[in-house]
């Protein structure tokens, strides 16, 4: 279902090179591979598909909204540059501590996004 929504442009994914590199780094960690029960080759396949389907953005500036994890700023920059409506993450608590109130996107969980999207589109 998700891939069809992306192909029909009902749902857009924004990516930047730093975001892809962060996904690659995190997903290839031994404990993550074991937890997800996937191989490094499968990570590469997933990232290749994500890159194929996503809208790609180049980041020409740095935004630093005082997030605890410096790598979370990569996602803020991508959401801001792409004019995204949402930054979707399971890591809500780290984003709540930053100075994001004036940013043009809302930080929400995947579950909340799914619920909103279904209510608005079905």
N, C-alpha and C. Protein backbone atom coordinates (compact mmCIF):
# COMPACT_ATOMS: atom_id res chain seq x y z
N UNK A 1 0.82 -1.18 0.00
CA UNK A 1 0.00 0.00 0.00
C UNK A 1 0.87 1.26 0.00
N UNK A 2 1.88 1.32 0.86
CA UNK A 2 2.73 2.50 0.98
C UNK A 2 3.43 2.87 -0.31
N UNK A 3 3.98 1.84 -0.99
CA UNK A 3 4.68 2.11 -2.25
C UNK A 3 3.73 2.68 -3.29
N UNK A 4 2.49 2.16 -3.36
CA UNK A 4 1.51 2.67 -4.30
C UNK A 4 1.19 4.14 -4.02
N UNK A 5 1.06 4.49 -2.74
CA UNK A 5 0.78 5.88 -2.37
C UNK A 5 1.91 6.80 -2.81
N UNK A 6 3.13 6.32 -2.69
CA UNK A 6 4.28 7.11 -3.11
C UNK A 6 4.30 7.24 -4.62
N UNK A 7 4.09 6.13 -5.33
CA UNK A 7 4.10 6.17 -6.79
C UNK A 7 2.98 7.04 -7.34
N UNK A 8 1.85 7.05 -6.67
CA UNK A 8 0.72 7.89 -7.09
C UNK A 8 0.86 9.33 -6.59
N UNK A 9 1.95 9.63 -5.92
CA UNK A 9 2.26 10.94 -5.37
C UNK A 9 1.21 11.44 -4.38
N UNK A 10 0.60 10.51 -3.66
CA UNK A 10 -0.30 10.89 -2.58
C UNK A 10 0.48 11.06 -1.29
N UNK A 11 1.71 10.56 -1.29
CA UNK A 11 2.59 10.63 -0.15
C UNK A 11 4.00 10.83 -0.68
N UNK A 12 4.70 11.83 -0.17
CA UNK A 12 6.06 12.10 -0.61
C UNK A 12 7.03 11.91 0.54
N UNK A 13 8.18 11.34 0.22
CA UNK A 13 9.25 11.16 1.18
C UNK A 13 10.38 12.10 0.79
N UNK A 14 10.91 12.83 1.74
CA UNK A 14 12.03 13.73 1.50
C UNK A 14 13.30 13.10 2.06
N UNK A 15 14.36 13.13 1.27
CA UNK A 15 15.66 12.61 1.70
C UNK A 15 16.77 13.58 1.35
N UNK A 16 17.79 13.57 2.15
CA UNK A 16 19.03 14.28 1.85
C UNK A 16 20.16 13.27 2.01
N UNK A 17 21.30 13.56 1.46
CA UNK A 17 22.44 12.64 1.58
C UNK A 17 22.79 12.38 3.05
N UNK A 18 22.87 13.40 3.91
CA UNK A 18 23.17 13.11 5.31
C UNK A 18 22.14 12.20 5.99
N UNK A 19 20.88 12.33 5.63
CA UNK A 19 19.84 11.47 6.21
C UNK A 19 20.04 10.02 5.76
N UNK A 20 20.32 9.82 4.48
CA UNK A 20 20.56 8.46 3.98
C UNK A 20 21.77 7.84 4.67
N UNK A 21 22.83 8.62 4.83
CA UNK A 21 24.04 8.11 5.50
C UNK A 21 23.76 7.77 6.96
N UNK A 22 22.91 8.55 7.62
CA UNK A 22 22.53 8.25 9.01
C UNK A 22 21.71 6.97 9.08
N UNK A 23 20.74 6.82 8.18
CA UNK A 23 19.96 5.57 8.12
C UNK A 23 20.90 4.38 7.92
N UNK A 24 21.82 4.51 6.98
CA UNK A 24 22.75 3.43 6.67
C UNK A 24 23.59 3.07 7.90
N UNK A 25 24.11 4.07 8.58
CA UNK A 25 24.93 3.84 9.77
C UNK A 25 24.13 3.12 10.87
N UNK A 26 22.95 3.61 11.15
CA UNK A 26 22.14 3.03 12.23
C UNK A 26 21.67 1.63 11.88
N UNK A 27 21.18 1.43 10.66
CA UNK A 27 20.62 0.13 10.28
C UNK A 27 21.67 -0.96 10.18
N UNK A 28 22.92 -0.62 9.96
CA UNK A 28 23.98 -1.63 9.84
C UNK A 28 24.64 -1.98 11.18
N UNK A 29 24.19 -1.36 12.25
CA UNK A 29 24.72 -1.72 13.57
C UNK A 29 24.31 -3.14 13.91
N UNK A 30 25.24 -3.89 14.49
CA UNK A 30 24.99 -5.31 14.77
C UNK A 30 23.71 -5.54 15.56
N UNK A 31 23.50 -4.72 16.61
CA UNK A 31 22.31 -4.92 17.45
C UNK A 31 21.02 -4.62 16.69
N UNK A 32 21.07 -3.69 15.75
CA UNK A 32 19.88 -3.36 14.95
C UNK A 32 19.60 -4.48 13.95
N UNK A 33 20.65 -4.98 13.28
CA UNK A 33 20.49 -6.09 12.34
C UNK A 33 19.88 -7.30 13.05
N UNK A 34 20.37 -7.58 14.26
CA UNK A 34 19.84 -8.71 15.02
C UNK A 34 18.39 -8.46 15.45
N UNK A 35 18.11 -7.26 15.93
CA UNK A 35 16.75 -6.93 16.39
C UNK A 35 15.74 -7.03 15.25
N UNK A 36 16.13 -6.55 14.06
CA UNK A 36 15.23 -6.58 12.91
C UNK A 36 15.28 -7.90 12.15
N UNK A 37 16.25 -8.74 12.51
CA UNK A 37 16.46 -10.03 11.85
C UNK A 37 16.62 -9.86 10.33
N UNK A 38 17.50 -8.94 9.95
CA UNK A 38 17.79 -8.70 8.54
C UNK A 38 19.30 -8.70 8.33
N UNK A 39 19.70 -8.83 7.07
CA UNK A 39 21.12 -8.84 6.72
C UNK A 39 21.54 -7.45 6.23
N UNK A 40 22.82 -7.25 6.15
CA UNK A 40 23.36 -6.00 5.63
C UNK A 40 22.93 -5.79 4.18
N UNK A 41 22.85 -6.89 3.41
CA UNK A 41 22.38 -6.79 2.02
C UNK A 41 20.93 -6.32 1.95
N UNK A 42 20.11 -6.77 2.89
CA UNK A 42 18.71 -6.34 2.92
C UNK A 42 18.60 -4.86 3.28
N UNK A 43 19.48 -4.38 4.16
CA UNK A 43 19.52 -2.95 4.48
C UNK A 43 19.81 -2.17 3.21
N UNK A 44 20.77 -2.63 2.44
CA UNK A 44 21.12 -1.95 1.19
C UNK A 44 19.93 -1.93 0.23
N UNK A 45 19.21 -3.04 0.14
CA UNK A 45 18.03 -3.10 -0.74
C UNK A 45 16.95 -2.10 -0.30
N UNK A 46 16.71 -2.03 1.00
CA UNK A 46 15.70 -1.11 1.53
C UNK A 46 16.11 0.34 1.25
N UNK A 47 17.37 0.66 1.51
CA UNK A 47 17.85 2.02 1.26
C UNK A 47 17.81 2.36 -0.22
N UNK A 48 18.15 1.41 -1.08
CA UNK A 48 18.08 1.65 -2.53
C UNK A 48 16.64 1.96 -2.96
N UNK A 49 15.68 1.21 -2.43
CA UNK A 49 14.27 1.47 -2.76
C UNK A 49 13.82 2.82 -2.23
N UNK A 50 14.21 3.14 -1.03
CA UNK A 50 13.87 4.43 -0.43
C UNK A 50 14.42 5.58 -1.28
N UNK A 51 15.67 5.45 -1.69
CA UNK A 51 16.29 6.49 -2.52
C UNK A 51 15.58 6.61 -3.86
N UNK A 52 15.20 5.48 -4.43
CA UNK A 52 14.49 5.48 -5.71
C UNK A 52 13.15 6.21 -5.61
N UNK A 53 12.42 5.99 -4.51
CA UNK A 53 11.06 6.52 -4.38
C UNK A 53 11.00 7.94 -3.81
N UNK A 54 12.04 8.37 -3.13
CA UNK A 54 12.01 9.64 -2.40
C UNK A 54 12.34 10.84 -3.29
N UNK A 55 11.89 12.00 -2.83
CA UNK A 55 12.32 13.27 -3.41
C UNK A 55 13.63 13.63 -2.71
N UNK A 56 14.65 13.95 -3.49
CA UNK A 56 15.97 14.23 -2.94
C UNK A 56 16.22 15.72 -2.82
N UNK A 57 16.83 16.11 -1.71
CA UNK A 57 17.11 17.53 -1.44
C UNK A 57 18.56 17.71 -1.04
N UNK A 58 19.16 18.78 -1.51
CA UNK A 58 20.50 19.17 -1.10
C UNK A 58 20.36 20.21 0.00
N UNK A 59 21.16 20.06 1.02
CA UNK A 59 21.14 20.98 2.15
C UNK A 59 22.29 21.97 1.98
N UNK A 60 21.97 23.24 1.94
CA UNK A 60 22.98 24.28 1.73
C UNK A 60 23.20 25.13 2.98
N UNK A 61 22.58 24.76 4.08
CA UNK A 61 22.71 25.53 5.32
C UNK A 61 22.54 24.57 6.48
N UNK A 62 22.93 25.00 7.64
CA UNK A 62 22.78 24.18 8.84
C UNK A 62 21.79 24.84 9.79
N UNK A 63 20.88 24.03 10.29
CA UNK A 63 19.95 24.48 11.33
C UNK A 63 20.31 23.74 12.61
N UNK A 64 20.40 24.45 13.69
CA UNK A 64 20.74 23.83 14.97
C UNK A 64 19.77 24.32 16.04
N UNK A 65 18.62 23.60 16.16
CA UNK A 65 17.60 24.02 17.13
C UNK A 65 17.81 23.46 18.55
N UNK A 66 19.05 23.29 18.94
CA UNK A 66 19.39 22.83 20.29
C UNK A 66 18.83 21.44 20.63
N UNK A 67 18.89 20.51 19.68
CA UNK A 67 18.48 19.15 19.96
C UNK A 67 19.60 18.43 20.71
N UNK A 68 19.22 17.48 21.56
CA UNK A 68 20.22 16.76 22.35
C UNK A 68 21.15 15.92 21.49
N UNK A 69 20.61 15.27 20.48
CA UNK A 69 21.40 14.43 19.58
C UNK A 69 21.71 15.23 18.32
N UNK A 70 22.96 15.51 18.10
CA UNK A 70 23.38 16.30 16.93
C UNK A 70 22.87 15.70 15.62
N UNK A 71 22.80 14.37 15.52
CA UNK A 71 22.34 13.73 14.29
C UNK A 71 20.86 13.98 14.01
N UNK A 72 20.09 14.33 15.02
CA UNK A 72 18.68 14.65 14.79
C UNK A 72 18.53 15.92 13.96
N UNK A 73 19.52 16.79 14.01
CA UNK A 73 19.47 18.02 13.22
C UNK A 73 19.41 17.74 11.72
N UNK A 74 19.97 16.62 11.29
CA UNK A 74 19.93 16.24 9.87
C UNK A 74 18.49 16.12 9.39
N UNK A 75 17.64 15.59 10.24
CA UNK A 75 16.24 15.39 9.88
C UNK A 75 15.48 16.72 9.88
N UNK A 76 15.83 17.59 10.81
CA UNK A 76 15.22 18.93 10.84
C UNK A 76 15.58 19.69 9.57
N UNK A 77 16.84 19.64 9.19
CA UNK A 77 17.28 20.33 7.97
C UNK A 77 16.57 19.79 6.73
N UNK A 78 16.41 18.48 6.65
CA UNK A 78 15.73 17.88 5.50
C UNK A 78 14.25 18.27 5.47
N UNK A 79 13.59 18.21 6.61
CA UNK A 79 12.16 18.59 6.68
C UNK A 79 11.98 20.06 6.32
N UNK A 80 12.86 20.90 6.83
CA UNK A 80 12.77 22.33 6.55
C UNK A 80 13.03 22.62 5.07
N UNK A 81 14.09 22.06 4.51
CA UNK A 81 14.46 22.30 3.11
C UNK A 81 13.39 21.80 2.15
N UNK A 82 12.76 20.69 2.48
CA UNK A 82 11.76 20.09 1.59
C UNK A 82 10.37 20.68 1.78
N UNK A 83 10.22 21.63 2.68
CA UNK A 83 8.91 22.21 2.99
C UNK A 83 7.90 21.12 3.41
N UNK A 84 8.40 20.16 4.14
CA UNK A 84 7.54 19.07 4.61
C UNK A 84 6.52 19.59 5.62
N UNK A 85 5.38 18.93 5.64
CA UNK A 85 4.35 19.25 6.63
C UNK A 85 4.65 18.54 7.95
N UNK A 86 5.32 17.37 7.84
CA UNK A 86 5.59 16.56 9.02
C UNK A 86 7.02 16.05 9.02
N UNK A 87 7.58 15.93 10.20
CA UNK A 87 8.80 15.19 10.43
C UNK A 87 8.34 14.00 11.26
N UNK A 88 8.40 12.82 10.68
CA UNK A 88 7.84 11.63 11.31
C UNK A 88 8.96 10.85 11.97
N UNK A 89 8.82 10.62 13.27
CA UNK A 89 9.86 9.94 14.03
C UNK A 89 9.25 9.25 15.25
N UNK A 90 9.85 8.14 15.64
CA UNK A 90 9.47 7.49 16.90
C UNK A 90 10.19 8.13 18.07
N UNK A 91 11.11 9.01 17.77
CA UNK A 91 11.97 9.65 18.75
C UNK A 91 11.44 11.03 19.15
N UNK A 92 10.17 11.14 19.41
CA UNK A 92 9.52 12.41 19.69
C UNK A 92 10.16 13.17 20.85
N UNK A 93 10.52 12.49 21.91
CA UNK A 93 10.99 13.18 23.12
C UNK A 93 12.23 14.02 22.86
N UNK A 94 13.13 13.56 22.02
CA UNK A 94 14.34 14.34 21.74
C UNK A 94 14.02 15.59 20.92
N UNK A 95 13.01 15.53 20.09
CA UNK A 95 12.63 16.68 19.27
C UNK A 95 11.82 17.70 20.07
N UNK A 96 11.09 17.25 21.08
CA UNK A 96 10.28 18.15 21.89
C UNK A 96 11.13 19.14 22.68
N UNK A 97 12.36 18.76 22.98
CA UNK A 97 13.25 19.61 23.78
C UNK A 97 13.89 20.72 22.95
N UNK A 98 13.83 20.62 21.65
CA UNK A 98 14.48 21.61 20.80
C UNK A 98 13.61 22.84 20.57
N UNK A 99 14.16 23.77 19.87
CA UNK A 99 13.48 25.02 19.56
C UNK A 99 12.80 24.91 18.20
N UNK A 100 11.77 24.09 18.12
CA UNK A 100 11.11 23.81 16.84
C UNK A 100 9.74 24.45 16.71
N UNK A 101 9.29 25.19 17.70
CA UNK A 101 7.93 25.73 17.67
C UNK A 101 7.67 26.63 16.47
N UNK A 102 8.66 27.34 16.01
CA UNK A 102 8.46 28.25 14.88
C UNK A 102 8.75 27.61 13.53
N UNK A 103 9.10 26.33 13.52
CA UNK A 103 9.39 25.66 12.26
C UNK A 103 8.07 25.30 11.56
N UNK A 104 8.09 25.25 10.22
CA UNK A 104 6.84 25.07 9.47
C UNK A 104 6.34 23.63 9.37
N UNK A 105 6.89 22.72 10.14
CA UNK A 105 6.44 21.32 10.11
C UNK A 105 6.14 20.87 11.53
N UNK A 106 5.37 19.80 11.61
CA UNK A 106 4.99 19.24 12.90
C UNK A 106 5.74 17.92 13.09
N UNK A 107 6.29 17.71 14.27
CA UNK A 107 6.98 16.46 14.60
C UNK A 107 5.95 15.51 15.20
N UNK A 108 5.75 14.36 14.53
CA UNK A 108 4.75 13.39 15.00
C UNK A 108 5.29 11.97 14.85
N UNK A 109 4.66 11.04 15.55
CA UNK A 109 5.05 9.63 15.47
C UNK A 109 4.48 9.00 14.20
N UNK A 110 5.05 7.87 13.78
CA UNK A 110 4.48 7.17 12.62
C UNK A 110 3.02 6.80 12.82
N UNK A 111 2.66 6.37 14.02
CA UNK A 111 1.27 6.01 14.31
C UNK A 111 0.33 7.20 14.19
N UNK A 112 0.75 8.34 14.74
CA UNK A 112 -0.08 9.55 14.64
C UNK A 112 -0.22 10.00 13.18
N UNK A 113 0.87 9.91 12.43
CA UNK A 113 0.80 10.29 11.02
C UNK A 113 -0.16 9.37 10.27
N UNK A 114 -0.03 8.08 10.50
CA UNK A 114 -0.91 7.12 9.83
C UNK A 114 -2.37 7.42 10.14
N UNK A 115 -2.69 7.67 11.40
CA UNK A 115 -4.06 7.98 11.80
C UNK A 115 -4.55 9.26 11.10
N UNK A 116 -3.75 10.31 11.13
CA UNK A 116 -4.13 11.59 10.47
C UNK A 116 -4.34 11.40 8.98
N UNK A 117 -3.40 10.70 8.36
CA UNK A 117 -3.47 10.51 6.91
C UNK A 117 -4.73 9.75 6.53
N UNK A 118 -5.04 8.70 7.27
CA UNK A 118 -6.25 7.90 6.99
C UNK A 118 -7.50 8.74 7.18
N UNK A 119 -7.55 9.53 8.25
CA UNK A 119 -8.73 10.38 8.50
C UNK A 119 -8.93 11.41 7.38
N UNK A 120 -7.84 11.93 6.85
CA UNK A 120 -7.92 12.98 5.82
C UNK A 120 -8.07 12.44 4.41
N UNK A 121 -7.70 11.17 4.16
CA UNK A 121 -7.64 10.67 2.80
C UNK A 121 -8.49 9.45 2.50
N UNK A 122 -9.16 8.94 3.47
CA UNK A 122 -10.00 7.76 3.18
C UNK A 122 -11.43 8.03 3.56
